Every structure is written in C-alpha cells, then in structure tokens.
Amino acid sequence: MALEVASVIINRLSRLMGERRMSIKDVARGTGLSYSAVHDLYHDRTTRFDRETLDKLCGFLRVPVGELLEWQPEDRTPSG
C-alpha cells in the first residue's frame, strides 16, 4: 500500500500579532493591506496567499516567510 502524504499549511499570523500585541488595524495600516484582508488572514480564512501580501506582511513584521507560514506533512496511512 502506498503512503499518501497530504500537506497542511499553518498560518502563524495571529500568533505573531499576539506576541507583538498588534491589532488587525495596526497591521492593515502598517502594510497597506485592507482591514478585511488582514482580518481573514488573522482568522485563517484565506485559502490562497498572494506573493505581494506575503511580502508586505513579512516586511512589516520583519520575519521570513517560514515564520509566517509553516508546512507540516500530514500522514494519512490507511490503518489495517
């Protein structure tokens, strides 16, 4: 039986903002992104990540992409 590996991208924006005590409004103002875009990212409601958006967030938060987004494999090996 072949091993099926699905990936999961984990959005760390809310954690980073919490550590810095930043609000959605702070990030929207600092990046030039819309409040609704930051809100959706904060609440992990975004399914696609635009390169320009990631660049603005990483630049504003002064973190590499790997601190903002994390890839984790998810083992879905059938049991039995």
C-alpha atoms as a PDB file:
ATOM      1  CA  MET A   1       0.000   0.000   0.000  1.00  0.00           C
ATOM      2  CA  ALA A   2       1.387   3.405  -0.960  1.00  0.00           C
ATOM      3  CA  LEU A   3       1.843   6.083   1.662  1.00  0.00           C
ATOM      4  CA  GLU A   4      -0.327   9.114   0.974  1.00  0.00           C
ATOM      5  CA  VAL A   5       1.069  12.347   2.370  1.00  0.00           C
ATOM      6  CA  ALA A   6      -1.110  15.432   2.433  1.00  0.00           C
ATOM      7  CA  SER A   7       0.315  18.764   3.412  1.00  0.00           C
ATOM      8  CA  VAL A   8      -1.053  21.332   5.770  1.00  0.00           C
ATOM      9  CA  ILE A   9      -0.008  24.979   5.662  1.00  0.00           C
ATOM     10  CA  ILE A  10      -0.246  26.587   9.089  1.00  0.00           C
ATOM     11  CA  ASN A  11      -0.831  30.330   9.216  1.00  0.00           C
ATOM     12  CA  ARG A  12       1.058  31.899  12.147  1.00  0.00           C
ATOM     13  CA  LEU A  13      -0.113  35.498  11.679  1.00  0.00           C
ATOM     14  CA  SER A  14      -2.387  35.575  14.735  1.00  0.00           C
ATOM     15  CA  ARG A  15       0.402  34.196  16.952  1.00  0.00           C
ATOM     16  CA  LEU A  16       2.916  36.741  15.645  1.00  0.00           C
ATOM     17  CA  MET A  17       0.455  39.587  16.110  1.00  0.00           C
ATOM     18  CA  GLY A  18      -0.372  38.404  19.630  1.00  0.00           C
ATOM     19  CA  GLU A  19       3.296  38.246  20.608  1.00  0.00           C
ATOM     20  CA  ARG A  20       3.680  41.838  19.432  1.00  0.00           C
ATOM     21  CA  ARG A  21       0.308  42.955  20.845  1.00  0.00           C
ATOM     22  CA  MET A  22      -0.763  44.223  17.426  1.00  0.00           C
ATOM     23  CA  SER A  23      -4.326  44.644  16.282  1.00  0.00           C
ATOM     24  CA  ILE A  24      -5.723  43.887  12.854  1.00  0.00           C
ATOM     25  CA  LYS A  25      -5.998  47.648  12.363  1.00  0.00           C
ATOM     26  CA  ASP A  26      -2.297  48.105  13.230  1.00  0.00           C
ATOM     27  CA  VAL A  27      -1.240  45.538  10.628  1.00  0.00           C
ATOM     28  CA  ALA A  28      -3.605  46.895   7.985  1.00  0.00           C
ATOM     29  CA  ARG A  29      -2.244  50.421   8.466  1.00  0.00           C
ATOM     30  CA  GLY A  30       1.373  49.272   8.569  1.00  0.00           C
ATOM     31  CA  THR A  31       1.166  47.104   5.466  1.00  0.00           C
ATOM     32  CA  GLY A  32      -1.324  49.000   3.333  1.00  0.00           C
ATOM     33  CA  LEU A  33      -3.468  45.861   3.131  1.00  0.00           C
ATOM     34  CA  SER A  34      -7.211  46.185   3.613  1.00  0.00           C
ATOM     35  CA  TYR A  35      -8.671  45.569   7.048  1.00  0.00           C
ATOM     36  CA  SER A  36     -10.768  42.709   5.646  1.00  0.00           C
ATOM     37  CA  ALA A  37      -7.718  41.037   4.072  1.00  0.00           C
ATOM     38  CA  VAL A  38      -5.796  41.129   7.361  1.00  0.00           C
ATOM     39  CA  HIS A  39      -8.928  40.034   9.253  1.00  0.00           C
ATOM     40  CA  ASP A  40      -9.324  36.974   7.019  1.00  0.00           C
ATOM     41  CA  LEU A  41      -5.637  36.116   7.332  1.00  0.00           C
ATOM     42  CA  TYR A  42      -5.736  36.570  11.109  1.00  0.00           C
ATOM     43  CA  HIS A  43      -8.728  34.237  11.433  1.00  0.00           C
ATOM     44  CA  ASP A  44      -7.167  31.738   8.982  1.00  0.00           C
ATOM     45  CA  ARG A  45      -9.986  32.097   6.450  1.00  0.00           C
ATOM     46  CA  THR A  46      -7.656  32.565   3.490  1.00  0.00           C
ATOM     47  CA  THR A  47      -7.009  29.657   1.149  1.00  0.00           C
ATOM     48  CA  ARG A  48      -4.608  31.439  -1.220  1.00  0.00           C
ATOM     49  CA  PHE A  49      -1.610  33.581  -0.387  1.00  0.00           C
ATOM     50  CA  ASP A  50      -0.645  36.350  -2.753  1.00  0.00           C
ATOM     51  CA  ARG A  51       3.095  36.997  -3.108  1.00  0.00           C
ATOM     52  CA  GLU A  52       2.688  40.756  -2.642  1.00  0.00           C
ATOM     53  CA  THR A  53       0.594  40.213   0.502  1.00  0.00           C
ATOM     54  CA  LEU A  54       3.200  37.875   1.978  1.00  0.00           C
ATOM     55  CA  ASP A  55       5.948  40.342   1.109  1.00  0.00           C
ATOM     56  CA  LYS A  56       4.112  43.194   2.868  1.00  0.00           C
ATOM     57  CA  LEU A  57       3.395  41.098   5.963  1.00  0.00           C
ATOM     58  CA  CYS A  58       6.939  39.744   6.223  1.00  0.00           C
ATOM     59  CA  GLY A  59       8.408  43.216   5.725  1.00  0.00           C
ATOM     60  CA  PHE A  60       6.144  44.804   8.320  1.00  0.00           C
ATOM     61  CA  LEU A  61       6.622  42.030  10.890  1.00  0.00           C
ATOM     62  CA  ARG A  62      10.338  41.648  10.000  1.00  0.00           C
ATOM     63  CA  VAL A  63      10.103  37.862   9.710  1.00  0.00           C
ATOM     64  CA  PRO A  64      10.917  35.380   6.943  1.00  0.00           C
ATOM     65  CA  VAL A  65       8.013  33.610   5.227  1.00  0.00           C
ATOM     66  CA  GLY A  66       8.843  30.455   7.208  1.00  0.00           C
ATOM     67  CA  GLU A  67       7.833  32.201  10.437  1.00  0.00           C
ATOM     68  CA  LEU A  68       4.564  33.403   8.963  1.00  0.00           C
ATOM     69  CA  LEU A  69       3.596  30.154   7.237  1.00  0.00           C
ATOM     70  CA  GLU A  70       4.630  26.656   8.224  1.00  0.00           C
ATOM     71  CA  TRP A  71       4.314  23.489   6.171  1.00  0.00           C
ATOM     72  CA  GLN A  72       3.565  20.270   8.006  1.00  0.00           C
ATOM     73  CA  PRO A  73       3.081  16.885   6.420  1.00  0.00           C
ATOM     74  CA  GLU A  74       0.014  15.013   7.481  1.00  0.00           C
ATOM     75  CA  ASP A  75       0.429  11.227   7.470  1.00  0.00           C
ATOM     76  CA  ARG A  76      -2.681   9.558   6.093  1.00  0.00           C
ATOM     77  CA  THR A  77      -1.509   5.980   6.101  1.00  0.00           C
ATOM     78  CA  PRO A  78      -4.507   3.650   5.945  1.00  0.00           C
ATOM     79  CA  SER A  79      -4.795   1.528   9.079  1.00  0.00           C
ATOM     80  CA  GLY A  80      -5.283  -2.184   8.884  1.00  0.00           C
END
